[in-house]
Amino acid sequence: MSERKRAVILVSGGLDSTTVLAHAQNEGYDCYTLSFDYGQRHRAELDAAQRVSDAMHDVEHKVVHLNLDAIGGSALTDTDIDVPEEETSGIPVTYVPARNTVFLSIALGWAEVLGAQDIFIGVNAVDYSGYPDCRPPFIAAFETLANLATRAGVEGQRLRIHTPLMDLGKADIIRMGHALGVDYSLTVSCYQADDSGAACGRCDSCRLRRQGFVEAGVPDPTRYFRPLLD
């Protein structure tokens, strides 16, 4: 059995979570990657999560099946809601109700099974699209819950939620990953990618990603399925 410390890494197949995986590995963790088939409208991100996990040699990659499309309420799970291609104010329709709460809860359960005290998630309070479950108060509250609600926490094995990207802009995240050797061509960030993983170039996630590469001075390996707008 490995003597290295174990961690559960939430991996979506996107730029941020892939950077977090590289960071956790660089910090000396044996990484167990966790993705969710939650009823999202495209499968490209699940393919990317598997591709990233394989390429970066995690210990184990697990996909948990949920049914968040049954409750809808998000453009990412409900085909009746269009993904916006223009900037919007407030919490956007791409917010999936309670998604990070659900995901972290399942990650917490797997961490207990593995005997891992560390969970990594790629949330960000700078370029976070207005999602309420990407802010420091939410993470702090969930970590408190984790240590109250688990046998590990009660028995003194303190559980920690790591958010290494919390205070970084997209360009800084890309610079971090580039320095760690991340191959961003493996990743998919688009909210409406096609089956091959090619991006629309126009949704909020695409705009943030594209601008991040420009500001970081790193070549953008993203494939697009239609011409980009200036």
Protein backbone atom coordinates (compact mmCIF):
# COMPACT_ATOMS: atom_id res chain seq x y z
CA MET A 1 0.00 0.00 0.00
CA SER A 2 1.23 3.48 -0.87
CA GLU A 3 2.60 5.57 2.00
CA ARG A 4 1.70 8.75 0.17
CA LYS A 5 -1.33 10.71 1.29
CA ARG A 6 -4.55 10.18 -0.66
CA ALA A 7 -6.90 12.80 -2.05
CA VAL A 8 -10.17 12.85 -3.97
CA ILE A 9 -10.08 15.29 -6.89
CA LEU A 10 -13.30 16.46 -8.52
CA VAL A 11 -12.56 16.33 -12.25
CA SER A 12 -14.98 17.68 -14.84
CA GLY A 13 -12.68 17.45 -17.85
CA GLY A 14 -12.35 21.23 -17.89
CA LEU A 15 -9.37 23.54 -17.63
CA ASP A 16 -9.73 24.38 -13.94
CA SER A 17 -10.19 20.90 -12.53
CA THR A 18 -7.34 19.56 -14.66
CA THR A 19 -5.07 22.24 -13.23
CA VAL A 20 -6.19 21.26 -9.73
CA LEU A 21 -5.34 17.61 -10.44
CA ALA A 22 -1.84 18.61 -11.57
CA HIS A 23 -1.43 20.76 -8.47
CA ALA A 24 -2.50 17.97 -6.10
CA GLN A 25 -0.10 15.55 -7.75
CA ASN A 26 2.66 18.12 -7.44
CA GLU A 27 1.84 18.41 -3.74
CA GLY A 28 2.56 14.70 -3.34
CA TYR A 29 -0.93 13.21 -3.24
CA ASP A 30 -2.08 9.92 -4.69
CA CYS A 31 -5.07 11.19 -6.65
CA TYR A 32 -8.44 9.49 -6.97
CA THR A 33 -10.46 11.39 -9.57
CA LEU A 34 -14.23 11.72 -9.39
CA SER A 35 -16.59 12.79 -12.16
CA PHE A 36 -20.37 12.93 -12.44
CA ASP A 37 -22.75 11.83 -15.14
CA TYR A 38 -25.48 14.09 -13.79
CA GLY A 39 -27.73 14.50 -16.81
CA GLN A 40 -25.66 17.18 -18.52
CA ARG A 41 -26.63 17.90 -22.10
CA HIS A 42 -23.34 16.87 -23.67
CA ARG A 43 -21.05 13.90 -23.04
CA ALA A 44 -17.85 15.59 -24.17
CA GLU A 45 -16.89 16.64 -20.65
CA LEU A 46 -17.13 13.07 -19.36
CA ASP A 47 -14.92 11.88 -22.20
CA ALA A 48 -12.46 14.66 -21.37
CA ALA A 49 -12.48 13.75 -17.66
CA GLN A 50 -11.58 10.17 -18.50
CA ARG A 51 -8.93 11.33 -20.99
CA VAL A 52 -7.35 13.69 -18.45
CA SER A 53 -7.40 11.10 -15.66
CA ASP A 54 -5.75 8.50 -17.88
CA ALA A 55 -3.12 10.88 -19.25
CA MET A 56 -2.21 12.18 -15.80
CA HIS A 57 -2.02 8.70 -14.27
CA ASP A 58 -4.45 8.98 -11.40
CA VAL A 59 -4.83 5.97 -9.09
CA GLU A 60 -8.50 5.45 -9.94
CA HIS A 61 -11.16 7.32 -11.87
CA LYS A 62 -14.77 6.93 -10.77
CA VAL A 63 -17.90 8.20 -12.52
CA VAL A 64 -20.99 8.52 -10.33
CA HIS A 65 -24.39 8.59 -12.05
CA LEU A 66 -26.92 11.15 -10.84
CA ASN A 67 -30.13 12.51 -12.31
CA LEU A 68 -30.02 16.27 -11.82
CA ASP A 69 -31.80 16.72 -15.14
CA ALA A 70 -34.88 15.35 -13.40
CA ILE A 71 -35.19 18.62 -11.48
CA GLY A 72 -33.92 20.82 -14.32
CA GLY A 73 -33.53 24.52 -13.64
CA SER A 74 -30.29 24.93 -15.60
CA ALA A 75 -29.31 25.40 -19.22
CA LEU A 76 -26.75 22.65 -18.70
CA THR A 77 -29.40 20.02 -17.89
CA ASP A 78 -32.65 21.31 -19.40
CA THR A 79 -33.02 21.32 -23.19
CA ASP A 80 -35.78 23.92 -22.91
CA ILE A 81 -33.29 26.52 -21.61
CA ASP A 82 -30.81 27.96 -24.11
CA VAL A 83 -27.15 28.43 -23.19
CA PRO A 84 -26.58 32.21 -23.40
CA GLU A 85 -23.99 33.46 -25.88
CA GLU A 86 -23.90 37.02 -24.60
CA GLU A 87 -22.75 38.36 -21.24
CA THR A 88 -25.46 38.42 -18.59
CA SER A 89 -25.74 39.92 -15.12
CA GLY A 90 -26.56 38.09 -11.91
CA ILE A 91 -26.52 34.33 -11.49
CA PRO A 92 -26.65 32.87 -15.02
CA VAL A 93 -28.98 30.14 -16.26
CA THR A 94 -25.95 27.83 -16.54
CA TYR A 95 -25.93 27.55 -12.75
CA VAL A 96 -26.97 24.01 -11.79
CA PRO A 97 -28.98 24.12 -8.53
CA ALA A 98 -26.95 22.79 -5.58
CA ARG A 99 -24.46 21.03 -7.89
CA ASN A 100 -21.30 21.59 -5.88
CA THR A 101 -23.10 20.70 -2.65
CA VAL A 102 -24.15 17.36 -4.15
CA PHE A 103 -20.75 16.70 -5.75
CA LEU A 104 -18.78 17.49 -2.61
CA SER A 105 -21.08 15.32 -0.52
CA ILE A 106 -20.36 12.31 -2.71
CA ALA A 107 -16.65 13.14 -2.78
CA LEU A 108 -16.78 13.24 1.01
CA GLY A 109 -18.27 9.77 1.13
CA TRP A 110 -15.61 8.35 -1.17
CA ALA A 111 -12.87 10.08 0.81
CA GLU A 112 -14.08 8.31 3.96
CA VAL A 113 -14.03 4.96 2.19
CA LEU A 114 -10.50 5.60 0.93
CA GLY A 115 -9.22 6.90 4.24
CA ALA A 116 -8.43 10.21 2.52
CA GLN A 117 -8.60 13.44 4.48
CA ASP A 118 -8.29 15.77 1.51
CA ILE A 119 -10.70 16.77 -1.25
CA PHE A 120 -9.71 19.13 -4.06
CA ILE A 121 -12.17 21.15 -6.15
CA GLY A 122 -11.51 23.76 -8.83
CA VAL A 123 -13.89 26.48 -7.68
CA ASN A 124 -12.88 30.07 -8.23
CA ALA A 125 -14.11 33.36 -6.76
CA VAL A 126 -12.61 35.56 -9.49
CA ASP A 127 -13.79 34.12 -12.83
CA TYR A 128 -16.69 32.11 -11.38
CA SER A 129 -19.61 33.29 -13.54
CA GLY A 130 -21.59 34.36 -10.46
CA TYR A 131 -22.20 30.86 -9.11
CA PRO A 132 -22.94 31.01 -5.36
CA ASP A 133 -21.37 27.59 -4.68
CA CYS A 134 -17.94 28.74 -5.87
CA ARG A 135 -17.32 31.24 -3.05
CA PRO A 136 -15.09 30.93 0.04
CA PRO A 137 -18.01 31.08 2.55
CA PHE A 138 -19.62 28.04 0.90
CA ILE A 139 -16.39 26.04 1.00
CA ALA A 140 -15.76 26.97 4.63
CA ALA A 141 -19.31 25.98 5.57
CA PHE A 142 -19.04 22.66 3.74
CA GLU A 143 -15.74 21.84 5.42
CA THR A 144 -17.39 22.46 8.79
CA LEU A 145 -20.25 20.17 7.77
CA ALA A 146 -17.80 17.50 6.61
CA ASN A 147 -16.16 17.33 9.99
CA LEU A 148 -19.47 17.27 11.85
CA ALA A 149 -21.23 14.71 9.66
CA THR A 150 -18.62 11.97 9.22
CA ARG A 151 -17.08 9.26 11.34
CA ALA A 152 -13.65 10.42 10.20
CA GLY A 153 -14.30 13.94 11.43
CA VAL A 154 -15.77 12.82 14.74
CA GLU A 155 -12.80 10.51 15.36
CA GLY A 156 -10.33 13.31 14.82
CA GLN A 157 -9.26 12.68 11.22
CA ARG A 158 -9.90 16.23 10.08
CA LEU A 159 -11.21 16.52 6.54
CA ARG A 160 -10.03 19.41 4.40
CA ILE A 161 -11.53 20.96 1.26
CA HIS A 162 -8.75 22.41 -0.90
CA THR A 163 -9.47 25.20 -3.39
CA PRO A 164 -6.07 26.12 -4.85
CA LEU A 165 -7.61 28.25 -7.62
CA MET A 166 -9.95 30.26 -5.41
CA ASP A 167 -8.17 33.60 -5.73
CA LEU A 168 -6.72 33.21 -9.22
CA GLY A 169 -7.90 34.69 -12.50
CA LYS A 170 -8.11 32.47 -15.56
CA ALA A 171 -4.75 33.63 -16.90
CA ASP A 172 -3.06 32.81 -13.59
CA ILE A 173 -4.68 29.37 -13.58
CA ILE A 174 -3.39 28.70 -17.09
CA ARG A 175 0.09 29.86 -16.13
CA MET A 176 0.03 27.53 -13.13
CA GLY A 177 -1.06 24.57 -15.21
CA HIS A 178 1.39 25.37 -17.98
CA ALA A 179 4.24 25.40 -15.44
CA LEU A 180 3.04 22.00 -14.18
CA GLY A 181 3.01 20.58 -17.69
CA VAL A 182 -0.77 20.36 -18.18
CA ASP A 183 -1.85 19.51 -21.72
CA TYR A 184 -4.91 21.72 -22.10
CA SER A 185 -5.74 20.19 -25.48
CA LEU A 186 -7.18 17.26 -23.50
CA THR A 187 -9.73 19.49 -21.76
CA VAL A 188 -13.24 20.68 -22.63
CA SER A 189 -14.70 23.80 -21.02
CA CYS A 190 -17.53 24.72 -23.40
CA TYR A 191 -21.12 24.60 -22.12
CA GLN A 192 -22.34 23.37 -25.51
CA ALA A 193 -19.42 21.40 -26.96
CA ASP A 194 -20.13 19.02 -29.81
CA ASP A 195 -19.68 15.26 -29.53
CA SER A 196 -16.00 15.50 -30.42
CA GLY A 197 -15.36 18.10 -27.71
CA ALA A 198 -15.02 21.06 -30.09
CA ALA A 199 -16.15 24.33 -28.47
CA CYS A 200 -18.69 26.95 -29.51
CA GLY A 201 -16.38 29.85 -28.69
CA ARG A 202 -19.28 32.03 -27.57
CA CYS A 203 -20.66 30.83 -24.24
CA ASP A 204 -19.47 32.36 -20.98
CA SER A 205 -17.08 29.50 -20.28
CA CYS A 206 -15.52 29.74 -23.75
CA ARG A 207 -15.07 33.52 -23.46
CA LEU A 208 -13.34 33.24 -20.08
CA ARG A 209 -11.11 30.42 -21.31
CA ARG A 210 -10.14 32.14 -24.54
CA GLN A 211 -9.32 35.44 -22.82
CA GLY A 212 -7.31 33.57 -20.20
CA PHE A 213 -5.00 32.08 -22.81
CA VAL A 214 -4.55 35.49 -24.41
CA GLU A 215 -3.68 37.15 -21.10
CA ALA A 216 -1.42 34.27 -20.03
CA GLY A 217 0.54 34.43 -23.27
CA VAL A 218 0.07 30.69 -23.72
CA PRO A 219 -1.03 29.19 -27.07
CA ASP A 220 -4.71 28.19 -26.98
CA PRO A 221 -5.14 24.55 -28.07
CA THR A 222 -8.96 24.72 -28.01
CA ARG A 223 -10.77 23.33 -31.05
CA TYR A 224 -13.85 25.27 -32.18
CA PHE A 225 -16.71 23.97 -34.31
CA ARG A 226 -17.55 27.38 -35.81
CA PRO A 227 -15.68 30.62 -36.61
CA LEU A 228 -14.79 32.77 -33.64
CA LEU A 229 -16.22 36.26 -33.22
CA ASP A 230 -13.82 39.14 -32.64
